[in-house]
Amino acid sequence: MDQFGTAHLLMLALFVVGLPAAYVLGRRERLTGSRTVSRVAAVAIPVVHVPTQVYDVVTNFELGVSLPFHLSDLAWIAAAVALWTHHRCPVALTYFWGLVLTTQAVVTPSLGEDFPDVRFFAYWFIHLLVVWAAVFLVWGVRVTPGWRDLRFTVAVTLTWAVAAYTFNEVAGTNYGYLQRKPSGGSVLDLLGPWPVYVVLEIAIVAAIWAAMTWPWARSHEREREPARTP
């Protein structure tokens, strides 16, 4: 698929349209107390995505692509669990991974297949749903993150990075682009050669996540402050 070609631009348009819709649906769920949308979305994610992954493995297996070692393979699981439970930990993973890492994959996709290939639909379904789930849960339902949630997300992400890097070294793959940059171009091209771009990416992402946490943490602190008497 060509970056910023017709198919990509259509997916970007769908992505943008879905953001306010996710907020509205989440806010409605918070006000009504219903979890119908959450539960339907939580079930729909694995029901749609797992068969496409199985189909991909059976019909077009590639060692460096088909195995569930991408961070997006954890992100969709986190999103499904977060939607079903509204628990802070999976919601935090969905928020931080979705709005920073998954959004990058939406804007600069590394996808060799074009419409109407199965991989095309699988890629866009899961990446869009993860970001929409983050907006739905954090701004709509208001399950907002704090510093503890940030630390949890960093720990889980680093654990994944170590595991993915180790597998890449053994198998000669490049999951997470930890060994080399994507060939189609991405923002990583601005960060220098390996391993500099990996270190800088970690630092930049951690700083962005901290900035994303600060306003919610301040809001939590204000809610805990005792009311002032006139």
C-alpha atoms as a PDB file:
ATOM      1  CA  MET A   1       0.000   0.000   0.000  1.00  0.00           C
ATOM      2  CA  ASP A   2       1.312   3.429  -0.954  1.00  0.00           C
ATOM      3  CA  GLN A   3       1.618   5.890   1.915  1.00  0.00           C
ATOM      4  CA  PHE A   4      -0.859   8.720   1.361  1.00  0.00           C
ATOM      5  CA  GLY A   5      -2.263   6.948  -1.663  1.00  0.00           C
ATOM      6  CA  THR A   6      -6.008   6.655  -2.172  1.00  0.00           C
ATOM      7  CA  ALA A   7      -6.520   3.691   0.173  1.00  0.00           C
ATOM      8  CA  HIS A   8      -4.394   5.263   2.900  1.00  0.00           C
ATOM      9  CA  LEU A   9      -6.187   8.612   2.664  1.00  0.00           C
ATOM     10  CA  LEU A  10      -9.556   6.887   2.917  1.00  0.00           C
ATOM     11  CA  MET A  11      -8.434   5.057   6.046  1.00  0.00           C
ATOM     12  CA  LEU A  12      -7.143   8.322   7.532  1.00  0.00           C
ATOM     13  CA  ALA A  13     -10.504   9.952   6.851  1.00  0.00           C
ATOM     14  CA  LEU A  14     -12.294   7.045   8.540  1.00  0.00           C
ATOM     15  CA  PHE A  15      -9.871   7.319  11.449  1.00  0.00           C
ATOM     16  CA  VAL A  16     -10.631  11.023  11.974  1.00  0.00           C
ATOM     17  CA  VAL A  17     -14.403  10.560  11.672  1.00  0.00           C
ATOM     18  CA  GLY A  18     -14.309   7.774  14.239  1.00  0.00           C
ATOM     19  CA  LEU A  19     -12.608   9.838  16.966  1.00  0.00           C
ATOM     20  CA  PRO A  20     -15.559  12.098  17.911  1.00  0.00           C
ATOM     21  CA  ALA A  21     -17.936   9.162  17.449  1.00  0.00           C
ATOM     22  CA  ALA A  22     -15.905   7.147  19.982  1.00  0.00           C
ATOM     23  CA  TYR A  23     -16.042  10.033  22.460  1.00  0.00           C
ATOM     24  CA  VAL A  24     -19.799  10.465  22.085  1.00  0.00           C
ATOM     25  CA  LEU A  25     -20.475   6.750  22.527  1.00  0.00           C
ATOM     26  CA  GLY A  26     -18.206   6.585  25.576  1.00  0.00           C
ATOM     27  CA  ARG A  27     -19.808   9.632  27.175  1.00  0.00           C
ATOM     28  CA  ARG A  28     -23.266   8.191  26.576  1.00  0.00           C
ATOM     29  CA  GLU A  29     -22.209   4.930  28.203  1.00  0.00           C
ATOM     30  CA  ARG A  30     -20.830   6.801  31.222  1.00  0.00           C
ATOM     31  CA  LEU A  31     -24.016   8.824  31.668  1.00  0.00           C
ATOM     32  CA  THR A  32     -26.391   5.902  31.234  1.00  0.00           C
ATOM     33  CA  GLY A  33     -24.343   3.318  33.132  1.00  0.00           C
ATOM     34  CA  SER A  34     -24.802   0.846  30.301  1.00  0.00           C
ATOM     35  CA  ARG A  35     -21.865  -1.218  29.033  1.00  0.00           C
ATOM     36  CA  THR A  36     -23.496  -2.446  25.853  1.00  0.00           C
ATOM     37  CA  VAL A  37     -21.102  -0.661  23.481  1.00  0.00           C
ATOM     38  CA  SER A  38     -18.070  -1.688  25.541  1.00  0.00           C
ATOM     39  CA  ARG A  39     -19.060  -5.338  25.633  1.00  0.00           C
ATOM     40  CA  VAL A  40     -19.987  -5.503  21.940  1.00  0.00           C
ATOM     41  CA  ALA A  41     -16.687  -3.873  20.937  1.00  0.00           C
ATOM     42  CA  ALA A  42     -14.704  -6.082  23.330  1.00  0.00           C
ATOM     43  CA  VAL A  43     -16.146  -9.211  21.725  1.00  0.00           C
ATOM     44  CA  ALA A  44     -15.937  -7.872  18.167  1.00  0.00           C
ATOM     45  CA  ILE A  45     -12.187  -7.223  18.360  1.00  0.00           C
ATOM     46  CA  PRO A  46     -11.062 -10.863  18.864  1.00  0.00           C
ATOM     47  CA  VAL A  47     -13.970 -12.306  16.853  1.00  0.00           C
ATOM     48  CA  VAL A  48     -12.882 -10.328  13.785  1.00  0.00           C
ATOM     49  CA  HIS A  49      -9.127 -10.158  14.316  1.00  0.00           C
ATOM     50  CA  VAL A  50      -8.222 -13.676  15.454  1.00  0.00           C
ATOM     51  CA  PRO A  51      -9.626 -15.386  12.321  1.00  0.00           C
ATOM     52  CA  THR A  52      -7.728 -12.949  10.091  1.00  0.00           C
ATOM     53  CA  GLN A  53      -4.505 -13.757  11.939  1.00  0.00           C
ATOM     54  CA  VAL A  54      -5.132 -17.486  11.592  1.00  0.00           C
ATOM     55  CA  TYR A  55      -5.920 -17.030   7.893  1.00  0.00           C
ATOM     56  CA  ASP A  56      -2.719 -15.067   7.434  1.00  0.00           C
ATOM     57  CA  VAL A  57      -0.609 -17.701   9.177  1.00  0.00           C
ATOM     58  CA  VAL A  58      -2.179 -20.563   7.199  1.00  0.00           C
ATOM     59  CA  THR A  59      -2.174 -18.965   3.747  1.00  0.00           C
ATOM     60  CA  ASN A  60       0.742 -16.549   3.730  1.00  0.00           C
ATOM     61  CA  PHE A  61       3.097 -17.264   6.610  1.00  0.00           C
ATOM     62  CA  GLU A  62       6.167 -15.060   6.920  1.00  0.00           C
ATOM     63  CA  LEU A  63       8.435 -15.481   9.929  1.00  0.00           C
ATOM     64  CA  GLY A  64       9.084 -11.758  10.264  1.00  0.00           C
ATOM     65  CA  VAL A  65       5.456 -10.685   9.904  1.00  0.00           C
ATOM     66  CA  SER A  66       2.921 -13.348  10.824  1.00  0.00           C
ATOM     67  CA  LEU A  67       3.850 -14.195  14.421  1.00  0.00           C
ATOM     68  CA  PRO A  68       2.036 -12.272  17.194  1.00  0.00           C
ATOM     69  CA  PHE A  69       5.164 -10.419  18.356  1.00  0.00           C
ATOM     70  CA  HIS A  70       4.182  -6.939  17.189  1.00  0.00           C
ATOM     71  CA  LEU A  71       3.253  -4.482  19.923  1.00  0.00           C
ATOM     72  CA  SER A  72      -0.075  -4.131  18.106  1.00  0.00           C
ATOM     73  CA  ASP A  73      -0.714  -7.784  18.951  1.00  0.00           C
ATOM     74  CA  LEU A  74      -0.619  -6.805  22.614  1.00  0.00           C
ATOM     75  CA  ALA A  75      -2.483  -3.544  22.015  1.00  0.00           C
ATOM     76  CA  TRP A  76      -5.612  -5.204  20.618  1.00  0.00           C
ATOM     77  CA  ILE A  77      -5.680  -7.656  23.527  1.00  0.00           C
ATOM     78  CA  ALA A  78      -5.316  -4.762  25.990  1.00  0.00           C
ATOM     79  CA  ALA A  79      -8.100  -2.856  24.205  1.00  0.00           C
ATOM     80  CA  ALA A  80     -10.473  -5.826  24.285  1.00  0.00           C
ATOM     81  CA  VAL A  81      -9.826  -6.438  28.002  1.00  0.00           C
ATOM     82  CA  ALA A  82     -10.113  -2.716  28.765  1.00  0.00           C
ATOM     83  CA  LEU A  83     -13.446  -2.442  26.968  1.00  0.00           C
ATOM     84  CA  TRP A  84     -14.853  -5.467  28.774  1.00  0.00           C
ATOM     85  CA  THR A  85     -13.588  -4.655  32.279  1.00  0.00           C
ATOM     86  CA  HIS A  86     -12.914  -0.876  32.345  1.00  0.00           C
ATOM     87  CA  HIS A  87      -9.949  -1.797  34.550  1.00  0.00           C
ATOM     88  CA  ARG A  88      -7.275   0.884  34.872  1.00  0.00           C
ATOM     89  CA  CYS A  89      -4.290  -1.253  33.796  1.00  0.00           C
ATOM     90  CA  PRO A  90      -5.560  -2.381  30.373  1.00  0.00           C
ATOM     91  CA  VAL A  91      -7.132   1.036  29.845  1.00  0.00           C
ATOM     92  CA  ALA A  92      -3.725   2.644  30.483  1.00  0.00           C
ATOM     93  CA  LEU A  93      -2.038   0.322  27.988  1.00  0.00           C
ATOM     94  CA  THR A  94      -4.708   1.122  25.404  1.00  0.00           C
ATOM     95  CA  TYR A  95      -4.352   4.859  26.055  1.00  0.00           C
ATOM     96  CA  PHE A  96      -0.561   5.097  25.903  1.00  0.00           C
ATOM     97  CA  TRP A  97       0.027   2.523  23.180  1.00  0.00           C
ATOM     98  CA  GLY A  98      -2.970   3.602  21.135  1.00  0.00           C
ATOM     99  CA  LEU A  99      -2.493   7.356  21.068  1.00  0.00           C
ATOM    100  CA  VAL A 100       1.279   7.325  20.473  1.00  0.00           C
ATOM    101  CA  LEU A 101       2.493   4.069  18.937  1.00  0.00           C
ATOM    102  CA  THR A 102      -0.637   2.895  17.131  1.00  0.00           C
ATOM    103  CA  THR A 103      -1.358   6.381  15.813  1.00  0.00           C
ATOM    104  CA  GLN A 104       2.110   6.420  14.272  1.00  0.00           C
ATOM    105  CA  ALA A 105       1.233   3.160  12.513  1.00  0.00           C
ATOM    106  CA  VAL A 106      -1.931   4.798  11.204  1.00  0.00           C
ATOM    107  CA  VAL A 107      -0.156   7.873   9.843  1.00  0.00           C
ATOM    108  CA  THR A 108       2.895   6.026   8.460  1.00  0.00           C
ATOM    109  CA  PRO A 109       1.750   2.421   7.928  1.00  0.00           C
ATOM    110  CA  SER A 110       4.283  -0.288   7.144  1.00  0.00           C
ATOM    111  CA  LEU A 111       1.970  -2.433   5.051  1.00  0.00           C
ATOM    112  CA  GLY A 112       2.888  -4.200   1.831  1.00  0.00           C
ATOM    113  CA  GLU A 113      -0.672  -5.268   0.978  1.00  0.00           C
ATOM    114  CA  ASP A 114      -3.340  -3.014  -0.545  1.00  0.00           C
ATOM    115  CA  PHE A 115      -7.118  -3.132  -0.782  1.00  0.00           C
ATOM    116  CA  PRO A 116      -8.775  -5.687  -0.893  1.00  0.00           C
ATOM    117  CA  ASP A 117      -6.141  -8.014   0.620  1.00  0.00           C
ATOM    118  CA  VAL A 118      -7.064  -9.668   3.935  1.00  0.00           C
ATOM    119  CA  ARG A 119      -3.959  -8.192   5.584  1.00  0.00           C
ATOM    120  CA  PHE A 120      -5.115  -4.721   4.550  1.00  0.00           C
ATOM    121  CA  PHE A 121      -8.424  -5.118   6.389  1.00  0.00           C
ATOM    122  CA  ALA A 122      -6.809  -6.823   9.395  1.00  0.00           C
ATOM    123  CA  TYR A 123      -4.214  -4.074   9.735  1.00  0.00           C
ATOM    124  CA  TRP A 124      -6.670  -1.197   9.598  1.00  0.00           C
ATOM    125  CA  PHE A 125      -9.366  -2.858  11.670  1.00  0.00           C
ATOM    126  CA  ILE A 126      -7.103  -3.448  14.616  1.00  0.00           C
ATOM    127  CA  HIS A 127      -5.146  -0.181  14.477  1.00  0.00           C
ATOM    128  CA  LEU A 128      -8.218   2.029  14.191  1.00  0.00           C
ATOM    129  CA  LEU A 129     -10.116   0.127  16.889  1.00  0.00           C
ATOM    130  CA  VAL A 130      -7.274   0.462  19.404  1.00  0.00           C
ATOM    131  CA  VAL A 131      -7.122   4.256  19.043  1.00  0.00           C
ATOM    132  CA  TRP A 132     -10.894   4.623  19.083  1.00  0.00           C
ATOM    133  CA  ALA A 133     -11.037   2.443  22.207  1.00  0.00           C
ATOM    134  CA  ALA A 134      -8.556   4.764  23.941  1.00  0.00           C
ATOM    135  CA  VAL A 135     -10.706   7.819  23.184  1.00  0.00           C
ATOM    136  CA  PHE A 136     -13.881   5.961  24.134  1.00  0.00           C
ATOM    137  CA  LEU A 137     -12.539   4.824  27.515  1.00  0.00           C
ATOM    138  CA  VAL A 138     -10.441   7.782  28.662  1.00  0.00           C
ATOM    139  CA  TRP A 139     -12.383  10.805  27.413  1.00  0.00           C
ATOM    140  CA  GLY A 140     -15.803   9.224  27.041  1.00  0.00           C
ATOM    141  CA  VAL A 141     -16.106   6.804  29.967  1.00  0.00           C
ATOM    142  CA  ARG A 142     -13.494   8.811  31.958  1.00  0.00           C
ATOM    143  CA  VAL A 143     -11.247   5.980  33.137  1.00  0.00           C
ATOM    144  CA  THR A 144      -8.293   8.347  33.322  1.00  0.00           C
ATOM    145  CA  PRO A 145      -4.625   7.370  33.917  1.00  0.00           C
ATOM    146  CA  GLY A 146      -2.277   8.394  36.740  1.00  0.00           C
ATOM    147  CA  TRP A 147       1.437   8.055  37.451  1.00  0.00           C
ATOM    148  CA  ARG A 148       1.077   4.471  38.640  1.00  0.00           C
ATOM    149  CA  ASP A 149      -0.569   3.569  35.339  1.00  0.00           C
ATOM    150  CA  LEU A 150       2.309   5.199  33.472  1.00  0.00           C
ATOM    151  CA  ARG A 151       4.874   3.161  35.409  1.00  0.00           C
ATOM    152  CA  PHE A 152       2.900  -0.011  34.714  1.00  0.00           C
ATOM    153  CA  THR A 153       2.788   0.756  30.984  1.00  0.00           C
ATOM    154  CA  VAL A 154       6.522   1.502  30.822  1.00  0.00           C
ATOM    155  CA  ALA A 155       7.333  -1.768  32.620  1.00  0.00           C
ATOM    156  CA  VAL A 156       5.134  -3.834  30.301  1.00  0.00           C
ATOM    157  CA  THR A 157       6.512  -2.106  27.212  1.00  0.00           C
ATOM    158  CA  LEU A 158      10.137  -2.644  28.214  1.00  0.00           C
ATOM    159  CA  THR A 159       9.411  -6.310  28.947  1.00  0.00           C
ATOM    160  CA  TRP A 160       7.936  -6.692  25.467  1.00  0.00           C
ATOM    161  CA  ALA A 161      10.916  -4.860  23.915  1.00  0.00           C
ATOM    162  CA  VAL A 162      13.447  -7.166  25.575  1.00  0.00           C
ATOM    163  CA  ALA A 163      11.499 -10.269  24.514  1.00  0.00           C
ATOM    164  CA  ALA A 164      11.027  -9.012  20.942  1.00  0.00           C
ATOM    165  CA  TYR A 165      14.670  -7.991  20.596  1.00  0.00           C
ATOM    166  CA  THR A 166      15.831 -11.386  21.832  1.00  0.00           C
ATOM    167  CA  PHE A 167      13.578 -13.196  19.391  1.00  0.00           C
ATOM    168  CA  ASN A 168      14.710 -10.928  16.549  1.00  0.00           C
ATOM    169  CA  GLU A 169      18.342 -11.742  17.263  1.00  0.00           C
ATOM    170  CA  VAL A 170      17.673 -15.474  17.246  1.00  0.00           C
ATOM    171  CA  ALA A 171      15.286 -15.587  14.280  1.00  0.00           C
ATOM    172  CA  GLY A 172      16.683 -12.746  12.160  1.00  0.00           C
ATOM    173  CA  THR A 173      13.393 -10.833  12.242  1.00  0.00           C
ATOM    174  CA  ASN A 174      12.602  -7.190  12.999  1.00  0.00           C
ATOM    175  CA  TYR A 175       9.513  -7.087  15.213  1.00  0.00           C
ATOM    176  CA  GLY A 176       9.052  -3.639  16.716  1.00  0.00           C
ATOM    177  CA  TYR A 177      11.710  -2.285  14.326  1.00  0.00           C
ATOM    178  CA  LEU A 178      14.197  -2.861  17.127  1.00  0.00           C
ATOM    179  CA  GLN A 179      16.903  -4.131  14.762  1.00  0.00           C
ATOM    180  CA  ARG A 180      16.381  -1.759  11.820  1.00  0.00           C
ATOM    181  CA  LYS A 181      13.984   0.909  10.582  1.00  0.00           C
ATOM    182  CA  PRO A 182      11.003   0.143   8.318  1.00  0.00           C
ATOM    183  CA  SER A 183      11.996   0.249   4.665  1.00  0.00           C
ATOM    184  CA  GLY A 184       8.975   2.313   3.644  1.00  0.00           C
ATOM    185  CA  GLY A 185       9.993   5.326   5.715  1.00  0.00           C
ATOM    186  CA  SER A 186       8.752   6.528   9.094  1.00  0.00           C
ATOM    187  CA  VAL A 187       9.454   9.122  11.774  1.00  0.00           C
ATOM    188  CA  LEU A 188      12.299   6.879  12.951  1.00  0.00           C
ATOM    189  CA  ASP A 189      14.279   8.149   9.962  1.00  0.00           C
ATOM    190  CA  LEU A 190      14.668  11.433  11.846  1.00  0.00           C
ATOM    191  CA  LEU A 191      16.343   9.814  14.855  1.00  0.00           C
ATOM    192  CA  GLY A 192      19.644   8.631  13.429  1.00  0.00           C
ATOM    193  CA  PRO A 193      21.154   5.173  12.937  1.00  0.00           C
ATOM    194  CA  TRP A 194      20.713   2.051  15.059  1.00  0.00           C
ATOM    195  CA  PRO A 195      20.945   1.851  18.069  1.00  0.00           C
ATOM    196  CA  VAL A 196      20.634   5.621  18.502  1.00  0.00           C
ATOM    197  CA  TYR A 197      17.120   5.720  17.098  1.00  0.00           C
ATOM    198  CA  VAL A 198      15.994   2.975  19.514  1.00  0.00           C
ATOM    199  CA  VAL A 199      17.328   4.830  22.571  1.00  0.00           C
ATOM    200  CA  LEU A 200      15.914   8.156  21.387  1.00  0.00           C
ATOM    201  CA  GLU A 201      12.564   6.563  20.584  1.00  0.00           C
ATOM    202  CA  ILE A 202      12.327   5.152  24.107  1.00  0.00           C
ATOM    203  CA  ALA A 203      13.216   8.518  25.653  1.00  0.00           C
ATOM    204  CA  ILE A 204      10.826  10.472  23.430  1.00  0.00           C
ATOM    205  CA  VAL A 205       7.941   8.080  23.957  1.00  0.00           C
ATOM    206  CA  ALA A 206       8.476   8.098  27.744  1.00  0.00           C
ATOM    207  CA  ALA A 207       8.473  11.912  27.744  1.00  0.00           C
ATOM    208  CA  ILE A 208       5.314  12.059  25.649  1.00  0.00           C
ATOM    209  CA  TRP A 209       3.598   9.525  27.903  1.00  0.00           C
ATOM    210  CA  ALA A 210       4.559  11.588  30.958  1.00  0.00           C
ATOM    211  CA  ALA A 211       3.068  14.688  29.322  1.00  0.00           C
ATOM    212  CA  MET A 212      -0.080  12.696  28.554  1.00  0.00           C
ATOM    213  CA  THR A 213      -0.317  11.641  32.207  1.00  0.00           C
ATOM    214  CA  TRP A 214       0.292  15.006  33.876  1.00  0.00           C
ATOM    215  CA  PRO A 215      -3.105  16.679  33.243  1.00  0.00           C
ATOM    216  CA  TRP A 216      -5.007  13.616  34.407  1.00  0.00           C
ATOM    217  CA  ALA A 217      -2.781  13.279  37.495  1.00  0.00           C
ATOM    218  CA  ARG A 218      -3.387  16.953  38.337  1.00  0.00           C
ATOM    219  CA  SER A 219      -7.111  16.376  37.936  1.00  0.00           C
ATOM    220  CA  HIS A 220      -6.923  13.441  40.359  1.00  0.00           C
ATOM    221  CA  GLU A 221      -5.060  15.607  42.890  1.00  0.00           C
ATOM    222  CA  ARG A 222      -7.655  18.374  42.684  1.00  0.00           C
ATOM    223  CA  GLU A 223     -10.442  15.839  43.224  1.00  0.00           C
ATOM    224  CA  ARG A 224      -8.708  14.598  46.395  1.00  0.00           C
ATOM    225  CA  GLU A 225      -8.202  18.091  47.821  1.00  0.00           C
ATOM    226  CA  PRO A 226     -10.665  18.995  50.572  1.00  0.00           C
ATOM    227  CA  ALA A 227     -13.261  21.543  49.613  1.00  0.00           C
ATOM    228  CA  ARG A 228     -12.443  25.043  50.809  1.00  0.00           C
ATOM    229  CA  THR A 229     -14.961  26.745  53.020  1.00  0.00           C
ATOM    230  CA  PRO A 230     -15.755  30.382  52.219  1.00  0.00           C
END
